[in-house]
Amino acid sequence: VTGLPEGLTFDPNTRMITGTINRDGSFQLTVTATFSDGTTSTRIVNVKTTAPPVIVAPFGAKSLTVGGSTLVSVDGKFSDPDTTSAARFETTSGQFDIIFFPAAAPLTVDNFIDYIDADQYENTFFHRAPKDFVVQGGGYKYTPADGFSEVVKFDPVLNEPGISNQKGTVAMAKLGGQPNSATCEWFVNLKDNSGLPSALDTQNGGFTVFGRVPASGMIVVEKIGALPIGDYDISINSATRSLTDVPIDSTTAPAVLDPAKLVKVLAAYQAPILTYEVVSQAPTIATATLTGTDITITGVAVGTTTIQVKATDLDGNTVTQTLSVTVS
């Protein structure tokens, strides 16, 4: 067995793979069986690490009077073991998130966040979507006022291959034959592109996977990937750029590009890792409302009740804990 991530081991005697993966990402294991006649058979095993949110600290019981209020923060009460940072993209085709892999690709994640923080991805459009391959963006912008322009490129980032280019993973685009040339362009894999014919795990030094799109977001990405595509020339500062396989939000791709039909990024920003919901089990005794990460509890009548606080991660997994309330 080859390709085992750190934390997993293979015992050839028991033929068992055991352990705990101690970093985030998607991994591809190669399992080769050798038979007594010397022939071999090889299989690929894809492994993805995800974990639901967990409770890290309990809520303390709260006491208040009828008509009184108290404020309780959810900060520090929950965490998501498999996510430390993420980005949210609002597009003309819908919203999707990218969960980053900072442990496996720290330089690339920092580089990507730099572009987000500089608002470089706003007004970009997805300029390449070859069928059943990838959806690519991050290179070009369009606004009716300014026309077409290129995203301002920062310094190239060093290549950090290692995580497999499986379906739903997000990787950096780069120049052919230049492994360390990634700047602003990125793509989402629409299928497993790790091996042949694409061979993105090995081609050009391997393409750096730095994140993944959760299942709910892949519905949006696959919607973009299913749009009709066309080849177009655009003008940037009197220079012509030829774009191929441009997804067009229309029944068919027109011969002449209509910029209004491009799939655009309306906003890109760092996403919250967890979202919260609160429910009072007896609102006739105490009510609970959530503003940001603060819960306002208001006493209504004498008695005791509990407030349920649910945390949801970007994969849709949840965990709930309760907060005891006494109203006097």
C-alpha atoms as a PDB file:
ATOM      1  CA  VAL A   1       0.000   0.000   0.000  1.00  0.00           C
ATOM      2  CA  THR A   2       1.458   3.347  -1.032  1.00  0.00           C
ATOM      3  CA  GLY A   3       0.286   6.914  -0.651  1.00  0.00           C
ATOM      4  CA  LEU A   4      -0.731   6.524   2.990  1.00  0.00           C
ATOM      5  CA  PRO A   5      -1.132   9.936   4.650  1.00  0.00           C
ATOM      6  CA  GLU A   6       0.583  10.537   7.962  1.00  0.00           C
ATOM      7  CA  GLY A   7      -1.323   8.819  10.759  1.00  0.00           C
ATOM      8  CA  LEU A   8      -2.265   5.670   8.837  1.00  0.00           C
ATOM      9  CA  THR A   9      -0.253   2.438   8.749  1.00  0.00           C
ATOM     10  CA  PHE A  10      -0.581  -0.796   6.802  1.00  0.00           C
ATOM     11  CA  ASP A  11       0.116  -4.169   8.448  1.00  0.00           C
ATOM     12  CA  PRO A  12       1.009  -6.709   5.717  1.00  0.00           C
ATOM     13  CA  ASN A  13       0.356  -9.593   8.097  1.00  0.00           C
ATOM     14  CA  THR A  14      -3.216  -8.647   9.024  1.00  0.00           C
ATOM     15  CA  ARG A  15      -3.677  -6.774   5.726  1.00  0.00           C
ATOM     16  CA  MET A  16      -5.326  -3.956   7.651  1.00  0.00           C
ATOM     17  CA  ILE A  17      -4.941  -0.195   7.283  1.00  0.00           C
ATOM     18  CA  THR A  18      -5.411   1.440  10.687  1.00  0.00           C
ATOM     19  CA  GLY A  19      -4.874   4.758  12.421  1.00  0.00           C
ATOM     20  CA  THR A  20      -6.167   8.309  12.373  1.00  0.00           C
ATOM     21  CA  ILE A  21      -5.412  10.833   9.638  1.00  0.00           C
ATOM     22  CA  ASN A  22      -4.062  13.910  11.363  1.00  0.00           C
ATOM     23  CA  ARG A  23      -4.448  16.450   8.575  1.00  0.00           C
ATOM     24  CA  ASP A  24      -7.222  17.670   6.334  1.00  0.00           C
ATOM     25  CA  GLY A  25      -7.727  16.757   2.715  1.00  0.00           C
ATOM     26  CA  SER A  26      -8.469  14.054   0.175  1.00  0.00           C
ATOM     27  CA  PHE A  27      -5.955  11.264  -0.352  1.00  0.00           C
ATOM     28  CA  GLN A  28      -5.406   8.541  -2.922  1.00  0.00           C
ATOM     29  CA  LEU A  29      -4.007   5.193  -1.766  1.00  0.00           C
ATOM     30  CA  THR A  30      -2.615   2.661  -4.217  1.00  0.00           C
ATOM     31  CA  VAL A  31      -3.139  -0.974  -3.216  1.00  0.00           C
ATOM     32  CA  THR A  32      -1.172  -3.576  -5.191  1.00  0.00           C
ATOM     33  CA  ALA A  33      -1.719  -7.317  -4.765  1.00  0.00           C
ATOM     34  CA  THR A  34       0.984  -9.704  -5.985  1.00  0.00           C
ATOM     35  CA  PHE A  35      -0.139 -13.254  -6.740  1.00  0.00           C
ATOM     36  CA  SER A  36       1.849 -16.490  -6.469  1.00  0.00           C
ATOM     37  CA  ASP A  37       2.486 -16.575 -10.215  1.00  0.00           C
ATOM     38  CA  GLY A  38       4.049 -13.106 -10.074  1.00  0.00           C
ATOM     39  CA  THR A  39       1.147 -11.220 -11.659  1.00  0.00           C
ATOM     40  CA  THR A  40      -0.143  -8.099  -9.947  1.00  0.00           C
ATOM     41  CA  SER A  41      -3.425  -6.249  -9.644  1.00  0.00           C
ATOM     42  CA  THR A  42      -3.717  -2.618  -8.569  1.00  0.00           C
ATOM     43  CA  ARG A  43      -6.676  -0.740  -7.125  1.00  0.00           C
ATOM     44  CA  ILE A  44      -7.084   2.877  -6.067  1.00  0.00           C
ATOM     45  CA  VAL A  45      -8.690   3.824  -2.744  1.00  0.00           C
ATOM     46  CA  ASN A  46      -9.827   7.447  -2.312  1.00  0.00           C
ATOM     47  CA  VAL A  47      -9.983   8.723   1.276  1.00  0.00           C
ATOM     48  CA  LYS A  48     -11.447  12.069   2.366  1.00  0.00           C
ATOM     49  CA  THR A  49     -11.224  13.404   5.914  1.00  0.00           C
ATOM     50  CA  THR A  50     -14.290  15.142   7.302  1.00  0.00           C
ATOM     51  CA  ALA A  51     -15.637  15.437  10.827  1.00  0.00           C
ATOM     52  CA  PRO A  52     -18.805  16.906  12.357  1.00  0.00           C
ATOM     53  CA  PRO A  53     -18.642  19.857  14.768  1.00  0.00           C
ATOM     54  CA  VAL A  54     -17.980  19.088  18.419  1.00  0.00           C
ATOM     55  CA  ILE A  55     -18.725  20.655  21.796  1.00  0.00           C
ATOM     56  CA  VAL A  56     -15.596  22.075  23.392  1.00  0.00           C
ATOM     57  CA  ALA A  57     -17.102  23.819  26.433  1.00  0.00           C
ATOM     58  CA  PRO A  58     -20.503  23.582  28.183  1.00  0.00           C
ATOM     59  CA  PHE A  59     -22.848  26.477  28.768  1.00  0.00           C
ATOM     60  CA  GLY A  60     -23.224  27.519  32.373  1.00  0.00           C
ATOM     61  CA  ALA A  61     -26.712  27.661  33.899  1.00  0.00           C
ATOM     62  CA  LYS A  62     -28.359  31.084  33.846  1.00  0.00           C
ATOM     63  CA  SER A  63     -30.704  32.725  36.361  1.00  0.00           C
ATOM     64  CA  LEU A  64     -32.737  35.842  35.687  1.00  0.00           C
ATOM     65  CA  THR A  65     -35.909  37.611  36.789  1.00  0.00           C
ATOM     66  CA  VAL A  66     -39.215  37.988  34.986  1.00  0.00           C
ATOM     67  CA  GLY A  67     -38.729  40.738  32.424  1.00  0.00           C
ATOM     68  CA  GLY A  68     -34.961  40.583  32.809  1.00  0.00           C
ATOM     69  CA  SER A  69     -32.472  39.634  30.076  1.00  0.00           C
ATOM     70  CA  THR A  70     -29.036  38.102  29.925  1.00  0.00           C
ATOM     71  CA  LEU A  71     -26.525  37.731  27.111  1.00  0.00           C
ATOM     72  CA  VAL A  72     -24.725  34.456  26.390  1.00  0.00           C
ATOM     73  CA  SER A  73     -22.023  34.024  23.735  1.00  0.00           C
ATOM     74  CA  VAL A  74     -21.579  30.850  21.695  1.00  0.00           C
ATOM     75  CA  ASP A  75     -17.932  31.732  21.076  1.00  0.00           C
ATOM     76  CA  GLY A  76     -15.631  29.011  22.328  1.00  0.00           C
ATOM     77  CA  LYS A  77     -18.451  26.519  22.895  1.00  0.00           C
ATOM     78  CA  PHE A  78     -18.144  24.593  19.605  1.00  0.00           C
ATOM     79  CA  SER A  79     -15.505  23.831  16.998  1.00  0.00           C
ATOM     80  CA  ASP A  80     -15.241  22.050  13.662  1.00  0.00           C
ATOM     81  CA  PRO A  81     -12.250  19.652  13.680  1.00  0.00           C
ATOM     82  CA  ASP A  82     -11.892  19.476   9.890  1.00  0.00           C
ATOM     83  CA  THR A  83     -12.273  23.183   9.063  1.00  0.00           C
ATOM     84  CA  THR A  84     -10.224  26.134  10.229  1.00  0.00           C
ATOM     85  CA  SER A  85     -10.958  28.553   7.371  1.00  0.00           C
ATOM     86  CA  ALA A  86     -13.235  28.797   4.345  1.00  0.00           C
ATOM     87  CA  ALA A  87     -14.402  31.145   1.607  1.00  0.00           C
ATOM     88  CA  ARG A  88     -17.874  31.882   0.278  1.00  0.00           C
ATOM     89  CA  PHE A  89     -18.557  32.722  -3.373  1.00  0.00           C
ATOM     90  CA  GLU A  90     -21.842  34.345  -4.342  1.00  0.00           C
ATOM     91  CA  THR A  91     -22.354  33.923  -8.079  1.00  0.00           C
ATOM     92  CA  THR A  92     -25.053  34.579 -10.637  1.00  0.00           C
ATOM     93  CA  SER A  93     -25.700  30.814 -10.596  1.00  0.00           C
ATOM     94  CA  GLY A  94     -25.878  30.462  -6.802  1.00  0.00           C
ATOM     95  CA  GLN A  95     -23.666  30.291  -3.728  1.00  0.00           C
ATOM     96  CA  PHE A  96     -20.946  27.808  -2.833  1.00  0.00           C
ATOM     97  CA  ASP A  97     -18.220  27.523  -0.221  1.00  0.00           C
ATOM     98  CA  ILE A  98     -14.604  26.401  -0.395  1.00  0.00           C
ATOM     99  CA  ILE A  99     -13.231  24.676   2.713  1.00  0.00           C
ATOM    100  CA  PHE A 100      -9.486  25.272   2.836  1.00  0.00           C
ATOM    101  CA  PHE A 101      -6.689  22.765   3.539  1.00  0.00           C
ATOM    102  CA  PRO A 102      -4.187  25.044   5.331  1.00  0.00           C
ATOM    103  CA  ALA A 103      -2.205  22.164   6.859  1.00  0.00           C
ATOM    104  CA  ALA A 104      -1.507  20.586   3.465  1.00  0.00           C
ATOM    105  CA  ALA A 105      -1.155  23.750   1.344  1.00  0.00           C
ATOM    106  CA  PRO A 106      -0.420  26.703   3.663  1.00  0.00           C
ATOM    107  CA  LEU A 107       1.246  28.955   1.068  1.00  0.00           C
ATOM    108  CA  THR A 108      -1.514  28.420  -1.476  1.00  0.00           C
ATOM    109  CA  VAL A 109      -4.306  29.022   1.037  1.00  0.00           C
ATOM    110  CA  ASP A 110      -2.649  32.252   2.217  1.00  0.00           C
ATOM    111  CA  ASN A 111      -2.235  33.339  -1.405  1.00  0.00           C
ATOM    112  CA  PHE A 112      -5.906  32.662  -2.187  1.00  0.00           C
ATOM    113  CA  ILE A 113      -7.109  34.528   0.905  1.00  0.00           C
ATOM    114  CA  ASP A 114      -4.913  37.497  -0.105  1.00  0.00           C
ATOM    115  CA  TYR A 115      -6.867  37.739  -3.376  1.00  0.00           C
ATOM    116  CA  ILE A 116     -10.172  37.522  -1.493  1.00  0.00           C
ATOM    117  CA  ASP A 117      -9.160  40.167   1.053  1.00  0.00           C
ATOM    118  CA  ALA A 118      -8.115  42.470  -1.801  1.00  0.00           C
ATOM    119  CA  ASP A 119     -11.566  42.005  -3.460  1.00  0.00           C
ATOM    120  CA  GLN A 120      -9.810  40.726  -6.572  1.00  0.00           C
ATOM    121  CA  TYR A 121     -12.377  37.996  -7.243  1.00  0.00           C
ATOM    122  CA  GLU A 122     -15.422  40.256  -7.234  1.00  0.00           C
ATOM    123  CA  ASN A 123     -16.768  40.783 -10.775  1.00  0.00           C
ATOM    124  CA  THR A 124     -14.669  37.909 -12.107  1.00  0.00           C
ATOM    125  CA  PHE A 125     -16.381  35.338 -14.312  1.00  0.00           C
ATOM    126  CA  PHE A 126     -15.861  31.643 -14.918  1.00  0.00           C
ATOM    127  CA  HIS A 127     -13.963  31.686 -18.182  1.00  0.00           C
ATOM    128  CA  ARG A 128     -13.387  27.972 -18.776  1.00  0.00           C
ATOM    129  CA  ALA A 129     -15.576  24.917 -18.230  1.00  0.00           C
ATOM    130  CA  PRO A 130     -14.609  21.983 -20.485  1.00  0.00           C
ATOM    131  CA  LYS A 131     -17.346  19.361 -20.238  1.00  0.00           C
ATOM    132  CA  ASP A 132     -16.928  16.805 -17.432  1.00  0.00           C
ATOM    133  CA  PHE A 133     -13.530  18.232 -16.467  1.00  0.00           C
ATOM    134  CA  VAL A 134     -13.271  21.479 -14.462  1.00  0.00           C
ATOM    135  CA  VAL A 135     -14.895  24.853 -13.852  1.00  0.00           C
ATOM    136  CA  GLN A 136     -12.198  27.539 -13.860  1.00  0.00           C
ATOM    137  CA  GLY A 137     -12.184  31.189 -12.857  1.00  0.00           C
ATOM    138  CA  GLY A 138     -10.163  33.879 -11.133  1.00  0.00           C
ATOM    139  CA  GLY A 139      -8.433  35.298 -14.180  1.00  0.00           C
ATOM    140  CA  TYR A 140     -10.733  37.880 -15.763  1.00  0.00           C
ATOM    141  CA  LYS A 141     -13.264  40.514 -14.727  1.00  0.00           C
ATOM    142  CA  TYR A 142     -16.126  42.233 -16.461  1.00  0.00           C
ATOM    143  CA  THR A 143     -18.257  45.248 -15.561  1.00  0.00           C
ATOM    144  CA  PRO A 144     -20.437  47.279 -17.932  1.00  0.00           C
ATOM    145  CA  ALA A 145     -18.566  50.421 -16.908  1.00  0.00           C
ATOM    146  CA  ASP A 146     -15.008  49.109 -17.368  1.00  0.00           C
ATOM    147  CA  GLY A 147     -15.446  46.261 -19.810  1.00  0.00           C
ATOM    148  CA  PHE A 148     -13.039  43.334 -19.621  1.00  0.00           C
ATOM    149  CA  SER A 149      -9.910  43.376 -17.482  1.00  0.00           C
ATOM    150  CA  GLU A 150      -7.444  40.925 -15.966  1.00  0.00           C
ATOM    151  CA  VAL A 151      -7.226  40.200 -12.265  1.00  0.00           C
ATOM    152  CA  VAL A 152      -4.179  41.927 -10.784  1.00  0.00           C
ATOM    153  CA  LYS A 153      -1.691  39.130 -10.169  1.00  0.00           C
ATOM    154  CA  PHE A 154       0.380  38.820  -7.028  1.00  0.00           C
ATOM    155  CA  ASP A 155       3.704  36.973  -6.964  1.00  0.00           C
ATOM    156  CA  PRO A 156       3.486  33.287  -8.000  1.00  0.00           C
ATOM    157  CA  VAL A 157       3.156  30.796  -5.173  1.00  0.00           C
ATOM    158  CA  LEU A 158       5.313  27.688  -4.730  1.00  0.00           C
ATOM    159  CA  ASN A 159       3.666  24.451  -5.794  1.00  0.00           C
ATOM    160  CA  GLU A 160       2.336  22.319  -2.912  1.00  0.00           C
ATOM    161  CA  PRO A 161       1.078  19.062  -4.485  1.00  0.00           C
ATOM    162  CA  GLY A 162       0.028  16.117  -2.360  1.00  0.00           C
ATOM    163  CA  ILE A 163      -3.751  16.077  -2.068  1.00  0.00           C
ATOM    164  CA  SER A 164      -5.438  14.256  -4.931  1.00  0.00           C
ATOM    165  CA  ASN A 165      -7.439  16.077  -7.612  1.00  0.00           C
ATOM    166  CA  GLN A 166     -10.661  14.230  -6.922  1.00  0.00           C
ATOM    167  CA  LYS A 167     -14.195  15.427  -7.667  1.00  0.00           C
ATOM    168  CA  GLY A 168     -15.092  18.494  -5.632  1.00  0.00           C
ATOM    169  CA  THR A 169     -11.525  19.512  -4.819  1.00  0.00           C
ATOM    170  CA  VAL A 170     -10.256  22.997  -5.676  1.00  0.00           C
ATOM    171  CA  ALA A 171      -6.816  23.517  -7.206  1.00  0.00           C
ATOM    172  CA  MET A 172      -4.691  26.298  -8.633  1.00  0.00           C
ATOM    173  CA  ALA A 173      -4.239  26.716 -12.387  1.00  0.00           C
ATOM    174  CA  LYS A 174      -0.758  27.455 -13.704  1.00  0.00           C
ATOM    175  CA  LEU A 175       1.335  27.822 -16.847  1.00  0.00           C
ATOM    176  CA  GLY A 176       2.331  24.722 -18.783  1.00  0.00           C
ATOM    177  CA  GLY A 177       5.748  23.370 -17.841  1.00  0.00           C
ATOM    178  CA  GLN A 178       6.064  25.781 -14.905  1.00  0.00           C
ATOM    179  CA  PRO A 179       5.118  24.039 -11.619  1.00  0.00           C
ATOM    180  CA  ASN A 180       5.590  27.165  -9.487  1.00  0.00           C
ATOM    181  CA  SER A 181       3.623  29.600 -11.665  1.00  0.00           C
ATOM    182  CA  ALA A 182       0.206  29.639  -9.911  1.00  0.00           C
ATOM    183  CA  THR A 183      -1.148  33.125  -9.201  1.00  0.00           C
ATOM    184  CA  CYS A 184      -4.859  33.963  -9.255  1.00  0.00           C
ATOM    185  CA  GLU A 185      -6.622  31.363 -11.425  1.00  0.00           C
ATOM    186  CA  TRP A 186      -8.226  28.329  -9.826  1.00  0.00           C
ATOM    187  CA  PHE A 187     -10.590  25.514 -10.715  1.00  0.00           C
ATOM    188  CA  VAL A 188     -13.019  23.003  -9.226  1.00  0.00           C
ATOM    189  CA  ASN A 189     -12.660  19.387 -10.354  1.00  0.00           C
ATOM    190  CA  LEU A 190     -15.953  18.104 -11.787  1.00  0.00           C
ATOM    191  CA  LYS A 191     -14.724  14.499 -11.611  1.00  0.00           C
ATOM    192  CA  ASP A 192     -11.743  12.485 -10.414  1.00  0.00           C
ATOM    193  CA  ASN A 193      -8.920  14.047 -12.451  1.00  0.00           C
ATOM    194  CA  SER A 194      -6.089  12.483 -10.467  1.00  0.00           C
ATOM    195  CA  GLY A 195      -5.074   9.852 -13.017  1.00  0.00           C
ATOM    196  CA  LEU A 196      -5.079   9.454 -16.777  1.00  0.00           C
ATOM    197  CA  PRO A 197      -6.032  10.986 -19.078  1.00  0.00           C
ATOM    198  CA  SER A 198      -5.836  14.255 -17.121  1.00  0.00           C
ATOM    199  CA  ALA A 199      -3.210  13.115 -14.586  1.00  0.00           C
ATOM    200  CA  LEU A 200      -3.496  16.340 -12.601  1.00  0.00           C
ATOM    201  CA  ASP A 201      -1.778  14.717  -9.608  1.00  0.00           C
ATOM    202  CA  THR A 202       1.457  14.298 -11.605  1.00  0.00           C
ATOM    203  CA  GLN A 203       1.244  16.583 -14.644  1.00  0.00           C
ATOM    204  CA  ASN A 204       3.396  19.739 -14.480  1.00  0.00           C
ATOM    205  CA  GLY A 205       4.664  18.830 -11.011  1.00  0.00           C
ATOM    206  CA  GLY A 206       1.149  18.058  -9.806  1.00  0.00           C
ATOM    207  CA  PHE A 207      -1.633  20.607  -9.416  1.00  0.00           C
ATOM    208  CA  THR A 208      -1.948  21.948  -5.878  1.00  0.00           C
ATOM    209  CA  VAL A 209      -5.277  21.097  -4.267  1.00  0.00           C
ATOM    210  CA  PHE A 210      -5.918  23.625  -1.500  1.00  0.00           C
ATOM    211  CA  GLY A 211      -9.579  23.100  -0.669  1.00  0.00           C
ATOM    212  CA  ARG A 212     -12.861  21.378  -1.425  1.00  0.00           C
ATOM    213  CA  VAL A 213     -16.445  22.368  -2.188  1.00  0.00           C
ATOM    214  CA  PRO A 214     -19.053  20.724   0.105  1.00  0.00           C
ATOM    215  CA  ALA A 215     -21.764  18.610  -1.496  1.00  0.00           C
ATOM    216  CA  SER A 216     -24.385  21.387  -1.323  1.00  0.00           C
ATOM    217  CA  GLY A 217     -22.054  23.761  -3.174  1.00  0.00           C
ATOM    218  CA  MET A 218     -21.183  21.193  -5.832  1.00  0.00           C
ATOM    219  CA  ILE A 219     -24.804  21.417  -6.999  1.00  0.00           C
ATOM    220  CA  VAL A 220     -24.055  25.008  -8.022  1.00  0.00           C
ATOM    221  CA  VAL A 221     -20.634  24.200  -9.510  1.00  0.00           C
ATOM    222  CA  GLU A 222     -22.051  21.299 -11.533  1.00  0.00           C
ATOM    223  CA  LYS A 223     -24.831  23.599 -12.741  1.00  0.00           C
ATOM    224  CA  ILE A 224     -22.155  25.948 -14.109  1.00  0.00           C
ATOM    225  CA  GLY A 225     -20.276  23.008 -15.615  1.00  0.00           C
ATOM    226  CA  ALA A 226     -23.415  21.855 -17.440  1.00  0.00           C
ATOM    227  CA  LEU A 227     -24.014  25.190 -19.201  1.00  0.00           C
ATOM    228  CA  PRO A 228     -23.394  25.515 -22.955  1.00  0.00           C
ATOM    229  CA  ILE A 229     -19.868  26.663 -23.771  1.00  0.00           C
ATOM    230  CA  GLY A 230     -18.356  28.809 -26.505  1.00  0.00           C
ATOM    231  CA  ASP A 231     -15.018  30.169 -27.708  1.00  0.00           C
ATOM    232  CA  TYR A 232     -14.644  33.949 -27.699  1.00  0.00           C
ATOM    233  CA  ASP A 233     -12.094  36.717 -28.150  1.00  0.00           C
ATOM    234  CA  ILE A 234     -12.205  39.537 -25.620  1.00  0.00           C
ATOM    235  CA  SER A 235     -10.380  42.868 -25.691  1.00  0.00           C
ATOM    236  CA  ILE A 236      -8.303  44.033 -22.712  1.00  0.00           C
ATOM    237  CA  ASN A 237      -6.428  47.310 -23.095  1.00  0.00           C
ATOM    238  CA  SER A 238      -6.583  46.991 -26.888  1.00  0.00           C
ATOM    239  CA  ALA A 239      -5.074  43.480 -26.694  1.00  0.00           C
ATOM    240  CA  THR A 240      -7.018  40.386 -27.664  1.00  0.00           C
ATOM    241  CA  ARG A 241      -7.409  37.387 -25.366  1.00  0.00           C
ATOM    242  CA  SER A 242      -8.803  34.148 -26.757  1.00  0.00           C
ATOM    243  CA  LEU A 243     -10.950  32.210 -24.295  1.00  0.00           C
ATOM    244  CA  THR A 244     -12.139  28.661 -24.912  1.00  0.00           C
ATOM    245  CA  ASP A 245     -14.996  26.675 -23.371  1.00  0.00           C
ATOM    246  CA  VAL A 246     -16.572  29.733 -21.729  1.00  0.00           C
ATOM    247  CA  PRO A 247     -19.788  28.745 -19.878  1.00  0.00           C
ATOM    248  CA  ILE A 248     -22.766  30.818 -20.988  1.00  0.00           C
ATOM    249  CA  ASP A 249     -25.944  31.188 -18.918  1.00  0.00           C
ATOM    250  CA  SER A 250     -28.274  30.705 -21.861  1.00  0.00           C
ATOM    251  CA  THR A 251     -30.049  27.932 -23.740  1.00  0.00           C
ATOM    252  CA  THR A 252     -27.283  27.944 -26.334  1.00  0.00           C
ATOM    253  CA  ALA A 253     -23.919  29.659 -26.575  1.00  0.00           C
ATOM    254  CA  PRO A 254     -24.232  32.557 -29.038  1.00  0.00           C
ATOM    255  CA  ALA A 255     -21.711  33.163 -31.822  1.00  0.00           C
ATOM    256  CA  VAL A 256     -21.044  36.635 -30.413  1.00  0.00           C
ATOM    257  CA  LEU A 257     -20.366  36.889 -26.677  1.00  0.00           C
ATOM    258  CA  ASP A 258     -23.042  38.600 -24.597  1.00  0.00           C
ATOM    259  CA  PRO A 259     -21.281  39.659 -21.367  1.00  0.00           C
ATOM    260  CA  ALA A 260     -24.634  39.708 -19.558  1.00  0.00           C
ATOM    261  CA  LYS A 261     -24.744  35.910 -19.954  1.00  0.00           C
ATOM    262  CA  LEU A 262     -21.401  35.254 -18.281  1.00  0.00           C
ATOM    263  CA  VAL A 263     -21.428  33.448 -14.937  1.00  0.00           C
ATOM    264  CA  LYS A 264     -20.043  36.100 -12.607  1.00  0.00           C
ATOM    265  CA  VAL A 265     -18.790  36.206  -9.026  1.00  0.00           C
ATOM    266  CA  LEU A 266     -20.856  38.842  -7.227  1.00  0.00           C
ATOM    267  CA  ALA A 267     -18.961  38.601  -3.940  1.00  0.00           C
ATOM    268  CA  ALA A 268     -16.178  36.529  -2.386  1.00  0.00           C
ATOM    269  CA  TYR A 269     -15.311  36.638   1.287  1.00  0.00           C
ATOM    270  CA  GLN A 270     -14.141  34.499   4.179  1.00  0.00           C
ATOM    271  CA  ALA A 271     -17.025  32.317   5.333  1.00  0.00           C
ATOM    272  CA  PRO A 272     -18.113  31.525   8.902  1.00  0.00           C
ATOM    273  CA  ILE A 273     -17.026  28.021   9.921  1.00  0.00           C
ATOM    274  CA  LEU A 274     -20.163  27.367  11.965  1.00  0.00           C
ATOM    275  CA  THR A 275     -23.679  28.771  11.959  1.00  0.00           C
ATOM    276  CA  TYR A 276     -26.010  28.598  14.952  1.00  0.00           C
ATOM    277  CA  GLU A 277     -29.673  28.187  15.840  1.00  0.00           C
ATOM    278  CA  VAL A 278     -31.316  28.598  19.245  1.00  0.00           C
ATOM    279  CA  VAL A 279     -34.693  27.263  20.400  1.00  0.00           C
ATOM    280  CA  SER A 280     -36.320  27.742  23.787  1.00  0.00           C
ATOM    281  CA  GLN A 281     -38.062  24.590  24.974  1.00  0.00           C
ATOM    282  CA  ALA A 282     -40.581  26.704  26.892  1.00  0.00           C
ATOM    283  CA  PRO A 283     -40.895  30.202  25.377  1.00  0.00           C
ATOM    284  CA  THR A 284     -43.700  30.954  27.856  1.00  0.00           C
ATOM    285  CA  ILE A 285     -40.972  30.884  30.555  1.00  0.00           C
ATOM    286  CA  ALA A 286     -37.973  32.297  28.649  1.00  0.00           C
ATOM    287  CA  THR A 287     -37.350  33.354  25.071  1.00  0.00           C
ATOM    288  CA  ALA A 288     -34.056  33.126  23.209  1.00  0.00           C
ATOM    289  CA  THR A 289     -32.932  35.115  20.150  1.00  0.00           C
ATOM    290  CA  LEU A 290     -29.638  34.936  18.308  1.00  0.00           C
ATOM    291  CA  THR A 291     -27.741  37.950  16.978  1.00  0.00           C
ATOM    292  CA  GLY A 292     -24.427  36.998  15.420  1.00  0.00           C
ATOM    293  CA  THR A 293     -22.837  34.769  18.048  1.00  0.00           C
ATOM    294  CA  ASP A 294     -24.727  36.257  21.011  1.00  0.00           C
ATOM    295  CA  ILE A 295     -27.886  34.752  22.525  1.00  0.00           C
ATOM    296  CA  THR A 296     -30.283  37.094  24.304  1.00  0.00           C
ATOM    297  CA  ILE A 297     -32.373  35.245  26.894  1.00  0.00           C
ATOM    298  CA  THR A 298     -35.391  37.073  28.315  1.00  0.00           C
ATOM    299  CA  GLY A 299     -37.428  35.926  31.316  1.00  0.00           C
ATOM    300  CA  VAL A 300     -41.184  35.713  30.674  1.00  0.00           C
ATOM    301  CA  ALA A 301     -42.602  33.821  33.680  1.00  0.00           C
ATOM    302  CA  VAL A 302     -41.394  32.032  36.801  1.00  0.00           C
ATOM    303  CA  GLY A 303     -40.067  28.543  36.090  1.00  0.00           C
ATOM    304  CA  THR A 304     -37.211  26.557  34.569  1.00  0.00           C
ATOM    305  CA  THR A 305     -36.486  25.601  30.971  1.00  0.00           C
ATOM    306  CA  THR A 306     -33.650  24.794  28.616  1.00  0.00           C
ATOM    307  CA  ILE A 307     -32.357  26.523  25.506  1.00  0.00           C
ATOM    308  CA  GLN A 308     -31.148  24.272  22.710  1.00  0.00           C
ATOM    309  CA  VAL A 309     -28.135  25.628  20.817  1.00  0.00           C
ATOM    310  CA  LYS A 310     -27.327  23.891  17.522  1.00  0.00           C
ATOM    311  CA  ALA A 311     -24.088  24.402  15.599  1.00  0.00           C
ATOM    312  CA  THR A 312     -23.965  23.493  11.888  1.00  0.00           C
ATOM    313  CA  ASP A 313     -20.765  23.166   9.858  1.00  0.00           C
ATOM    314  CA  LEU A 314     -20.285  23.857   6.153  1.00  0.00           C
ATOM    315  CA  ASP A 315     -20.968  20.203   5.297  1.00  0.00           C
ATOM    316  CA  GLY A 316     -24.377  20.415   6.999  1.00  0.00           C
ATOM    317  CA  ASN A 317     -23.328  18.311  10.018  1.00  0.00           C
ATOM    318  CA  THR A 318     -24.705  19.430  13.391  1.00  0.00           C
ATOM    319  CA  VAL A 319     -24.182  19.120  17.123  1.00  0.00           C
ATOM    320  CA  THR A 320     -26.478  20.418  19.872  1.00  0.00           C
ATOM    321  CA  GLN A 321     -26.048  21.270  23.522  1.00  0.00           C
ATOM    322  CA  THR A 322     -28.466  22.739  26.068  1.00  0.00           C
ATOM    323  CA  LEU A 323     -28.376  25.745  28.351  1.00  0.00           C
ATOM    324  CA  SER A 324     -30.369  25.624  31.590  1.00  0.00           C
ATOM    325  CA  VAL A 325     -32.410  28.704  32.507  1.00  0.00           C
ATOM    326  CA  THR A 326     -34.188  29.564  35.759  1.00  0.00           C
ATOM    327  CA  VAL A 327     -36.581  32.516  35.893  1.00  0.00           C
ATOM    328  CA  SER A 328     -37.649  33.880  39.290  1.00  0.00           C
END
